[in-house]
């Protein structure tokens, strides 16, 4: 008898700040903050989670699954993309264990809204999604406040 081992995926997403756009991070709107440039809502947390799920399941990445040439996904919310990513991962024969995402940047401060973000992300994925955040002590594009990065890890299990 062979034990089914978990498969781990890593996902990254990066977007630059862009005047005139609303900021969506972790599935939440951040009023008063400058948004991020992107084909969809540029939610680096949700996008990194999608990339980690696709990586773990061997399904490529966000661009391969929801390409920028597909008008269906133009302006799509990160929660919609995460829900669809989770559906596709399950359709490919996997169960999702959990997803953990690290937001890298100097703003917004997510601590006060962490539980709210985790709740909406977990509902979209149908599995636990955890969120943490870090700054880079002023180093790099995130430290200079030019944009945000999301780095995620996902665990999936092949269905028996």
N, C-alpha and C. Protein backbone atom coordinates (compact mmCIF):
# COMPACT_ATOMS: atom_id res chain seq x y z
N UNK A 1 0.85 -1.17 0.00
CA UNK A 1 0.00 0.00 0.00
C UNK A 1 0.90 1.24 0.00
N UNK A 2 0.62 2.17 -0.88
CA UNK A 2 1.40 3.40 -0.98
C UNK A 2 0.63 4.55 -0.35
N UNK A 3 1.31 5.26 0.55
CA UNK A 3 0.68 6.43 1.17
C UNK A 3 0.66 7.58 0.18
N UNK A 4 -0.42 8.32 0.16
CA UNK A 4 -0.50 9.50 -0.69
C UNK A 4 0.13 10.67 0.06
N UNK A 5 1.18 11.19 -0.52
CA UNK A 5 1.90 12.29 0.11
C UNK A 5 1.34 13.62 -0.37
N UNK A 6 1.42 14.62 0.49
CA UNK A 6 0.97 15.95 0.06
C UNK A 6 1.91 16.51 -0.99
N UNK A 7 1.36 17.35 -1.84
CA UNK A 7 2.16 18.06 -2.84
C UNK A 7 2.16 19.53 -2.45
N UNK A 8 3.32 20.16 -2.54
CA UNK A 8 3.48 21.54 -2.12
C UNK A 8 3.76 22.41 -3.34
N UNK A 9 3.12 23.56 -3.39
CA UNK A 9 3.36 24.52 -4.46
C UNK A 9 3.70 25.88 -3.88
N UNK A 10 4.51 26.61 -4.62
CA UNK A 10 4.87 27.98 -4.23
C UNK A 10 4.38 28.92 -5.31
N UNK A 11 3.81 30.05 -4.90
CA UNK A 11 3.31 31.03 -5.84
C UNK A 11 3.77 32.42 -5.46
N UNK A 12 4.03 33.22 -6.48
CA UNK A 12 4.45 34.61 -6.27
C UNK A 12 3.62 35.50 -7.18
N UNK A 13 3.31 36.71 -6.71
CA UNK A 13 2.68 37.70 -7.56
C UNK A 13 3.18 39.07 -7.13
N UNK A 14 3.39 39.95 -8.11
CA UNK A 14 3.93 41.28 -7.86
C UNK A 14 3.20 42.28 -8.73
N UNK A 15 2.82 43.42 -8.14
CA UNK A 15 2.21 44.50 -8.91
C UNK A 15 2.72 45.84 -8.39
N UNK A 16 2.84 46.79 -9.30
CA UNK A 16 3.24 48.15 -8.95
C UNK A 16 2.02 48.97 -8.58
N UNK A 17 2.22 49.95 -7.70
CA UNK A 17 1.14 50.87 -7.38
C UNK A 17 0.81 51.70 -8.61
N UNK A 18 -0.48 52.06 -8.76
CA UNK A 18 -0.94 52.84 -9.91
C UNK A 18 -2.02 53.80 -9.46
N UNK A 19 -1.78 55.09 -9.62
CA UNK A 19 -2.78 56.10 -9.27
C UNK A 19 -4.07 55.84 -10.04
N UNK A 20 -5.19 56.16 -9.41
CA UNK A 20 -6.48 56.04 -10.08
C UNK A 20 -7.11 54.66 -9.97
N UNK A 21 -6.47 53.76 -9.24
CA UNK A 21 -7.04 52.42 -9.05
C UNK A 21 -7.33 52.19 -7.58
N UNK A 22 -8.35 51.40 -7.30
CA UNK A 22 -8.67 51.03 -5.92
C UNK A 22 -7.75 49.90 -5.49
N UNK A 23 -7.42 49.87 -4.20
CA UNK A 23 -6.56 48.80 -3.68
C UNK A 23 -7.41 47.65 -3.15
N UNK A 24 -7.13 46.47 -3.68
CA UNK A 24 -7.74 45.22 -3.21
C UNK A 24 -6.62 44.31 -2.78
N UNK A 25 -6.61 43.94 -1.50
CA UNK A 25 -5.60 43.03 -0.95
C UNK A 25 -6.31 42.02 -0.06
N UNK A 26 -6.00 40.75 -0.25
CA UNK A 26 -6.62 39.70 0.57
C UNK A 26 -8.12 39.63 0.41
N UNK A 27 -8.60 40.00 -0.78
CA UNK A 27 -10.03 39.97 -1.04
C UNK A 27 -10.79 41.14 -0.45
N UNK A 28 -10.09 42.09 0.15
CA UNK A 28 -10.72 43.24 0.80
C UNK A 28 -10.38 44.54 0.09
N UNK A 29 -11.33 45.45 0.08
CA UNK A 29 -11.10 46.80 -0.45
C UNK A 29 -10.44 47.64 0.65
N UNK A 30 -9.43 48.42 0.27
CA UNK A 30 -8.71 49.27 1.21
C UNK A 30 -8.93 50.73 0.82
N UNK A 31 -10.04 51.32 1.26
CA UNK A 31 -10.34 52.71 0.89
C UNK A 31 -9.22 53.67 1.30
N UNK A 32 -8.99 54.67 0.45
CA UNK A 32 -7.99 55.68 0.74
C UNK A 32 -6.57 55.28 0.37
N UNK A 33 -6.37 54.05 -0.07
CA UNK A 33 -5.05 53.57 -0.47
C UNK A 33 -4.95 53.58 -1.99
N UNK A 34 -3.77 53.82 -2.51
CA UNK A 34 -3.52 53.74 -3.94
C UNK A 34 -3.55 52.28 -4.36
N UNK A 35 -4.20 52.00 -5.48
CA UNK A 35 -4.34 50.63 -5.97
C UNK A 35 -3.12 50.13 -6.72
N UNK A 36 -3.24 48.95 -7.25
CA UNK A 36 -2.16 48.30 -7.99
C UNK A 36 -2.54 48.13 -9.46
N UNK A 37 -1.56 48.22 -10.33
CA UNK A 37 -1.77 48.04 -11.77
C UNK A 37 -1.92 46.56 -12.07
N UNK A 38 -2.85 46.23 -12.97
CA UNK A 38 -3.01 44.83 -13.34
C UNK A 38 -4.20 44.62 -14.25
N UNK A 39 -4.25 43.44 -14.86
CA UNK A 39 -5.33 43.05 -15.76
C UNK A 39 -6.62 42.84 -14.98
N UNK A 40 -6.50 42.29 -13.79
CA UNK A 40 -7.68 42.09 -12.93
C UNK A 40 -7.61 43.13 -11.82
N UNK A 41 -7.99 42.77 -10.60
CA UNK A 41 -7.93 43.74 -9.51
C UNK A 41 -6.53 43.85 -8.90
N UNK A 42 -5.59 43.04 -9.37
CA UNK A 42 -4.18 43.06 -8.94
C UNK A 42 -4.00 42.71 -7.46
N UNK A 43 -4.89 41.89 -6.92
CA UNK A 43 -4.80 41.46 -5.52
C UNK A 43 -3.65 40.46 -5.40
N UNK A 44 -2.46 40.93 -4.99
CA UNK A 44 -1.28 40.07 -4.97
C UNK A 44 -1.42 38.91 -4.00
N UNK A 45 -2.21 39.07 -2.95
CA UNK A 45 -2.42 37.97 -2.00
C UNK A 45 -3.22 36.85 -2.66
N UNK A 46 -4.36 37.18 -3.24
CA UNK A 46 -5.20 36.17 -3.89
C UNK A 46 -4.48 35.55 -5.09
N UNK A 47 -3.76 36.39 -5.85
CA UNK A 47 -3.06 35.87 -7.03
C UNK A 47 -1.93 34.92 -6.64
N UNK A 48 -1.18 35.25 -5.60
CA UNK A 48 -0.11 34.36 -5.14
C UNK A 48 -0.71 33.03 -4.66
N UNK A 49 -1.85 33.10 -3.99
CA UNK A 49 -2.52 31.87 -3.54
C UNK A 49 -2.92 31.01 -4.73
N UNK A 50 -3.45 31.64 -5.78
CA UNK A 50 -3.80 30.91 -7.00
C UNK A 50 -2.57 30.24 -7.59
N UNK A 51 -1.49 30.98 -7.71
CA UNK A 51 -0.26 30.43 -8.28
C UNK A 51 0.26 29.26 -7.47
N UNK A 52 0.18 29.35 -6.14
CA UNK A 52 0.64 28.24 -5.29
C UNK A 52 -0.23 27.00 -5.49
N UNK A 53 -1.54 27.20 -5.58
CA UNK A 53 -2.44 26.05 -5.82
C UNK A 53 -2.16 25.40 -7.17
N UNK A 54 -2.04 26.22 -8.21
CA UNK A 54 -1.76 25.67 -9.53
C UNK A 54 -0.42 24.94 -9.54
N UNK A 55 0.59 25.50 -8.89
CA UNK A 55 1.90 24.87 -8.82
C UNK A 55 1.83 23.51 -8.13
N UNK A 56 1.16 23.46 -6.99
CA UNK A 56 1.05 22.20 -6.25
C UNK A 56 0.36 21.12 -7.06
N UNK A 57 -0.64 21.50 -7.84
CA UNK A 57 -1.42 20.54 -8.62
C UNK A 57 -0.82 20.28 -10.00
N UNK A 58 0.27 20.98 -10.33
CA UNK A 58 0.90 20.78 -11.64
C UNK A 58 0.08 21.37 -12.78
N UNK A 59 -0.63 22.47 -12.51
CA UNK A 59 -1.52 23.07 -13.51
C UNK A 59 -0.98 24.37 -14.10
N UNK A 60 0.30 24.62 -13.94
CA UNK A 60 0.86 25.83 -14.51
C UNK A 60 0.76 27.00 -13.55
N UNK A 61 0.28 28.13 -14.07
CA UNK A 61 0.23 29.33 -13.26
C UNK A 61 -0.97 30.19 -13.63
N UNK A 62 -1.09 31.32 -12.97
CA UNK A 62 -2.21 32.23 -13.17
C UNK A 62 -2.33 32.66 -14.63
N UNK A 63 -1.22 33.02 -15.25
CA UNK A 63 -1.24 33.45 -16.65
C UNK A 63 -1.71 32.36 -17.59
N UNK A 64 -1.26 31.13 -17.34
CA UNK A 64 -1.67 30.01 -18.20
C UNK A 64 -3.16 29.69 -18.02
N UNK A 65 -3.67 29.86 -16.81
CA UNK A 65 -5.06 29.51 -16.53
C UNK A 65 -6.04 30.63 -16.87
N UNK A 66 -5.62 31.90 -16.64
CA UNK A 66 -6.54 33.03 -16.82
C UNK A 66 -5.92 34.11 -17.70
N UNK A 67 -5.23 33.76 -18.73
CA UNK A 67 -4.45 34.69 -19.55
C UNK A 67 -5.04 36.08 -19.73
N UNK A 68 -4.15 37.03 -19.89
CA UNK A 68 -4.57 38.42 -20.03
C UNK A 68 -5.30 38.68 -21.34
N UNK A 69 -5.25 37.75 -22.26
CA UNK A 69 -5.97 37.94 -23.52
C UNK A 69 -7.44 37.51 -23.41
N UNK A 70 -7.81 36.89 -22.28
CA UNK A 70 -9.18 36.42 -22.08
C UNK A 70 -10.00 37.52 -21.41
N UNK A 71 -10.94 38.14 -22.14
CA UNK A 71 -11.71 39.25 -21.58
C UNK A 71 -12.58 38.86 -20.38
N UNK A 72 -12.86 37.56 -20.22
CA UNK A 72 -13.68 37.13 -19.07
C UNK A 72 -13.03 37.50 -17.75
N UNK A 73 -11.71 37.55 -17.71
CA UNK A 73 -10.99 37.79 -16.47
C UNK A 73 -10.53 39.23 -16.30
N UNK A 74 -10.78 40.10 -17.28
CA UNK A 74 -10.41 41.51 -17.17
C UNK A 74 -11.16 42.14 -16.00
N UNK A 75 -10.44 42.71 -15.07
CA UNK A 75 -11.06 43.35 -13.92
C UNK A 75 -11.60 42.40 -12.88
N UNK A 76 -11.38 41.09 -13.03
CA UNK A 76 -11.93 40.10 -12.09
C UNK A 76 -11.36 40.29 -10.69
N UNK A 77 -12.18 40.00 -9.72
CA UNK A 77 -11.71 40.09 -8.33
C UNK A 77 -10.79 38.91 -8.02
N UNK A 78 -9.86 39.15 -7.12
CA UNK A 78 -8.97 38.09 -6.68
C UNK A 78 -9.73 36.94 -6.05
N UNK A 79 -10.84 37.26 -5.38
CA UNK A 79 -11.65 36.19 -4.77
C UNK A 79 -12.28 35.30 -5.83
N UNK A 80 -12.75 35.91 -6.93
CA UNK A 80 -13.32 35.12 -8.02
C UNK A 80 -12.24 34.22 -8.63
N UNK A 81 -11.04 34.77 -8.84
CA UNK A 81 -9.95 33.97 -9.39
C UNK A 81 -9.56 32.84 -8.44
N UNK A 82 -9.49 33.13 -7.14
CA UNK A 82 -9.12 32.10 -6.17
C UNK A 82 -10.18 31.00 -6.12
N UNK A 83 -11.44 31.38 -6.14
CA UNK A 83 -12.50 30.36 -6.15
C UNK A 83 -12.43 29.48 -7.38
N UNK A 84 -12.17 30.09 -8.53
CA UNK A 84 -12.05 29.31 -9.77
C UNK A 84 -10.79 28.46 -9.76
N UNK A 85 -9.69 28.99 -9.23
CA UNK A 85 -8.46 28.21 -9.13
C UNK A 85 -8.68 26.97 -8.27
N UNK A 86 -9.34 27.16 -7.12
CA UNK A 86 -9.62 26.03 -6.23
C UNK A 86 -10.52 25.00 -6.92
N UNK A 87 -11.50 25.47 -7.66
CA UNK A 87 -12.39 24.56 -8.40
C UNK A 87 -11.59 23.75 -9.41
N UNK A 88 -10.69 24.39 -10.14
CA UNK A 88 -9.88 23.69 -11.15
C UNK A 88 -8.92 22.69 -10.51
N UNK A 89 -8.38 23.04 -9.37
CA UNK A 89 -7.48 22.12 -8.66
C UNK A 89 -8.26 20.89 -8.21
N UNK A 90 -9.45 21.09 -7.69
CA UNK A 90 -10.28 19.95 -7.27
C UNK A 90 -10.71 19.12 -8.48
N UNK A 91 -11.05 19.80 -9.57
CA UNK A 91 -11.45 19.11 -10.79
C UNK A 91 -10.31 18.24 -11.33
N UNK A 92 -9.07 18.64 -11.07
CA UNK A 92 -7.90 17.88 -11.51
C UNK A 92 -7.59 16.70 -10.59
N UNK A 93 -8.40 16.52 -9.54
CA UNK A 93 -8.24 15.34 -8.69
C UNK A 93 -7.52 15.57 -7.37
N UNK A 94 -7.55 16.79 -6.87
CA UNK A 94 -6.85 17.10 -5.63
C UNK A 94 -7.80 17.69 -4.60
N UNK A 95 -7.44 17.50 -3.34
CA UNK A 95 -8.08 18.20 -2.24
C UNK A 95 -7.07 19.22 -1.73
N UNK A 96 -7.57 20.35 -1.27
CA UNK A 96 -6.69 21.42 -0.79
C UNK A 96 -6.54 21.30 0.72
N UNK A 97 -5.29 21.23 1.16
CA UNK A 97 -5.01 21.20 2.60
C UNK A 97 -5.09 22.60 3.18
N UNK A 98 -4.23 23.48 2.73
CA UNK A 98 -4.26 24.87 3.15
C UNK A 98 -3.37 25.71 2.25
N UNK A 99 -3.52 27.03 2.39
CA UNK A 99 -2.69 27.99 1.68
C UNK A 99 -2.21 29.01 2.70
N UNK A 100 -0.95 29.37 2.62
CA UNK A 100 -0.39 30.40 3.48
C UNK A 100 0.24 31.46 2.60
N UNK A 101 -0.10 32.74 2.85
CA UNK A 101 0.38 33.84 2.01
C UNK A 101 1.10 34.88 2.86
N UNK A 102 2.24 35.31 2.37
CA UNK A 102 2.99 36.41 3.00
C UNK A 102 2.90 37.62 2.08
N UNK A 103 2.34 38.72 2.57
CA UNK A 103 2.29 39.98 1.83
C UNK A 103 3.55 40.76 2.18
N UNK A 104 4.25 41.24 1.15
CA UNK A 104 5.49 41.99 1.36
C UNK A 104 5.29 43.42 0.87
N UNK A 105 5.41 44.38 1.79
CA UNK A 105 5.26 45.78 1.44
C UNK A 105 5.11 46.64 2.67
N UNK A 106 5.20 47.94 2.48
CA UNK A 106 5.12 48.85 3.62
C UNK A 106 3.69 49.29 3.94
N UNK A 107 2.79 49.15 3.00
CA UNK A 107 1.39 49.48 3.25
C UNK A 107 0.54 48.65 2.31
N UNK A 108 -0.68 48.38 2.65
CA UNK A 108 -1.36 48.78 3.88
C UNK A 108 -0.95 47.89 5.05
N UNK A 109 -1.24 48.34 6.23
CA UNK A 109 -1.01 47.54 7.43
C UNK A 109 -2.18 46.56 7.54
N UNK A 110 -1.89 45.27 7.44
CA UNK A 110 -2.98 44.29 7.38
C UNK A 110 -3.38 43.72 8.73
N UNK A 111 -2.59 43.95 9.76
CA UNK A 111 -2.84 43.33 11.05
C UNK A 111 -4.26 43.49 11.56
N UNK A 112 -4.82 44.68 11.45
CA UNK A 112 -6.16 44.93 11.95
C UNK A 112 -7.27 44.27 11.14
N UNK A 113 -6.94 43.83 9.93
CA UNK A 113 -7.96 43.21 9.06
C UNK A 113 -7.59 41.78 8.67
N UNK A 114 -6.56 41.24 9.33
CA UNK A 114 -6.08 39.89 9.00
C UNK A 114 -7.19 38.84 9.08
N UNK A 115 -7.92 38.82 10.18
CA UNK A 115 -8.97 37.80 10.36
C UNK A 115 -10.04 37.93 9.28
N UNK A 116 -10.42 39.16 8.96
CA UNK A 116 -11.41 39.40 7.91
C UNK A 116 -10.92 38.88 6.56
N UNK A 117 -9.65 39.17 6.23
CA UNK A 117 -9.07 38.70 4.97
C UNK A 117 -9.00 37.18 4.95
N UNK A 118 -8.55 36.59 6.04
CA UNK A 118 -8.47 35.12 6.09
C UNK A 118 -9.83 34.48 5.89
N UNK A 119 -10.86 35.09 6.45
CA UNK A 119 -12.21 34.54 6.32
C UNK A 119 -12.67 34.55 4.86
N UNK A 120 -12.55 35.70 4.18
CA UNK A 120 -13.05 35.76 2.80
C UNK A 120 -12.19 34.93 1.85
N UNK A 121 -10.88 34.88 2.10
CA UNK A 121 -10.00 34.05 1.26
C UNK A 121 -10.31 32.57 1.46
N UNK A 122 -10.51 32.16 2.71
CA UNK A 122 -10.83 30.76 3.01
C UNK A 122 -12.16 30.35 2.40
N UNK A 123 -13.14 31.25 2.46
CA UNK A 123 -14.44 30.96 1.84
C UNK A 123 -14.29 30.79 0.34
N UNK A 124 -13.49 31.64 -0.29
CA UNK A 124 -13.30 31.54 -1.74
C UNK A 124 -12.59 30.25 -2.12
N UNK A 125 -11.59 29.86 -1.34
CA UNK A 125 -10.81 28.66 -1.65
C UNK A 125 -11.50 27.39 -1.17
N UNK A 126 -12.41 27.49 -0.23
CA UNK A 126 -13.02 26.30 0.34
C UNK A 126 -12.02 25.51 1.17
N UNK A 127 -11.02 26.21 1.71
CA UNK A 127 -9.97 25.60 2.52
C UNK A 127 -9.31 26.72 3.33
N UNK A 128 -8.61 26.37 4.40
CA UNK A 128 -7.97 27.41 5.21
C UNK A 128 -6.93 28.21 4.41
N UNK A 129 -7.03 29.53 4.50
CA UNK A 129 -6.02 30.42 3.92
C UNK A 129 -5.56 31.33 5.05
N UNK A 130 -4.26 31.37 5.27
CA UNK A 130 -3.66 32.20 6.32
C UNK A 130 -2.88 33.33 5.69
N UNK A 131 -2.84 34.47 6.36
CA UNK A 131 -2.18 35.66 5.84
C UNK A 131 -1.23 36.24 6.88
N UNK A 132 -0.04 36.55 6.44
CA UNK A 132 0.93 37.27 7.27
C UNK A 132 1.50 38.39 6.41
N UNK A 133 2.18 39.33 7.04
CA UNK A 133 2.73 40.45 6.28
C UNK A 133 4.11 40.81 6.84
N UNK A 134 4.92 41.38 5.97
CA UNK A 134 6.26 41.80 6.36
C UNK A 134 6.69 42.99 5.53
N UNK A 135 7.53 43.81 6.11
CA UNK A 135 8.16 44.88 5.35
C UNK A 135 9.57 44.40 4.99
N UNK A 136 10.28 45.20 4.25
CA UNK A 136 11.64 44.80 3.86
C UNK A 136 12.67 45.81 4.35
N UNK A 137 12.36 46.47 5.47
CA UNK A 137 13.28 47.45 6.07
C UNK A 137 13.77 48.48 5.06
N UNK A 138 12.87 48.91 4.17
CA UNK A 138 13.21 49.95 3.21
C UNK A 138 13.97 49.47 2.00
N UNK A 139 14.19 48.18 1.87
CA UNK A 139 14.96 47.64 0.75
C UNK A 139 14.08 47.24 -0.42
N UNK A 140 14.57 47.40 -1.63
CA UNK A 140 13.89 46.96 -2.83
C UNK A 140 12.65 47.77 -3.16
N UNK A 141 11.96 47.35 -4.23
CA UNK A 141 10.78 48.10 -4.69
C UNK A 141 9.68 48.11 -3.65
N UNK A 142 9.54 47.02 -2.87
CA UNK A 142 8.49 47.02 -1.84
C UNK A 142 8.87 47.96 -0.71
N UNK A 143 10.13 48.00 -0.35
CA UNK A 143 10.59 48.88 0.71
C UNK A 143 10.51 50.35 0.34
N UNK A 144 10.66 50.64 -0.94
CA UNK A 144 10.54 52.02 -1.41
C UNK A 144 9.08 52.43 -1.64
N UNK A 145 8.14 51.51 -1.41
CA UNK A 145 6.73 51.81 -1.57
C UNK A 145 6.28 51.90 -3.02
N UNK A 146 6.95 51.17 -3.92
CA UNK A 146 6.60 51.20 -5.34
C UNK A 146 5.58 50.14 -5.72
N UNK A 147 5.37 49.16 -4.86
CA UNK A 147 4.43 48.10 -5.16
C UNK A 147 4.38 47.09 -4.04
N UNK A 148 3.69 45.99 -4.29
CA UNK A 148 3.52 44.92 -3.32
C UNK A 148 3.84 43.58 -3.95
N UNK A 149 4.24 42.64 -3.10
CA UNK A 149 4.47 41.27 -3.54
C UNK A 149 3.73 40.32 -2.62
N UNK A 150 3.28 39.23 -3.17
CA UNK A 150 2.67 38.16 -2.40
C UNK A 150 3.44 36.88 -2.67
N UNK A 151 3.74 36.14 -1.62
CA UNK A 151 4.44 34.86 -1.73
C UNK A 151 3.59 33.83 -0.99
N UNK A 152 3.23 32.76 -1.65
CA UNK A 152 2.31 31.79 -1.05
C UNK A 152 2.84 30.36 -1.16
N UNK A 153 2.39 29.55 -0.23
CA UNK A 153 2.64 28.11 -0.24
C UNK A 153 1.28 27.42 -0.10
N UNK A 154 1.08 26.39 -0.91
CA UNK A 154 -0.17 25.62 -0.83
C UNK A 154 0.17 24.15 -0.70
N UNK A 155 -0.67 23.45 0.02
CA UNK A 155 -0.56 21.99 0.13
C UNK A 155 -1.83 21.38 -0.43
N UNK A 156 -1.66 20.44 -1.36
CA UNK A 156 -2.78 19.70 -1.90
C UNK A 156 -2.51 18.21 -1.75
N UNK A 157 -3.57 17.43 -1.75
CA UNK A 157 -3.47 15.99 -1.62
C UNK A 157 -4.18 15.33 -2.80
N UNK A 158 -3.51 14.38 -3.46
CA UNK A 158 -4.21 13.65 -4.52
C UNK A 158 -5.37 12.87 -3.92
N UNK A 159 -6.50 12.90 -4.60
CA UNK A 159 -7.66 12.11 -4.15
C UNK A 159 -7.39 10.64 -4.47
N UNK A 160 -7.83 9.80 -3.57
CA UNK A 160 -7.65 8.35 -3.80
C UNK A 160 -8.77 7.80 -4.63
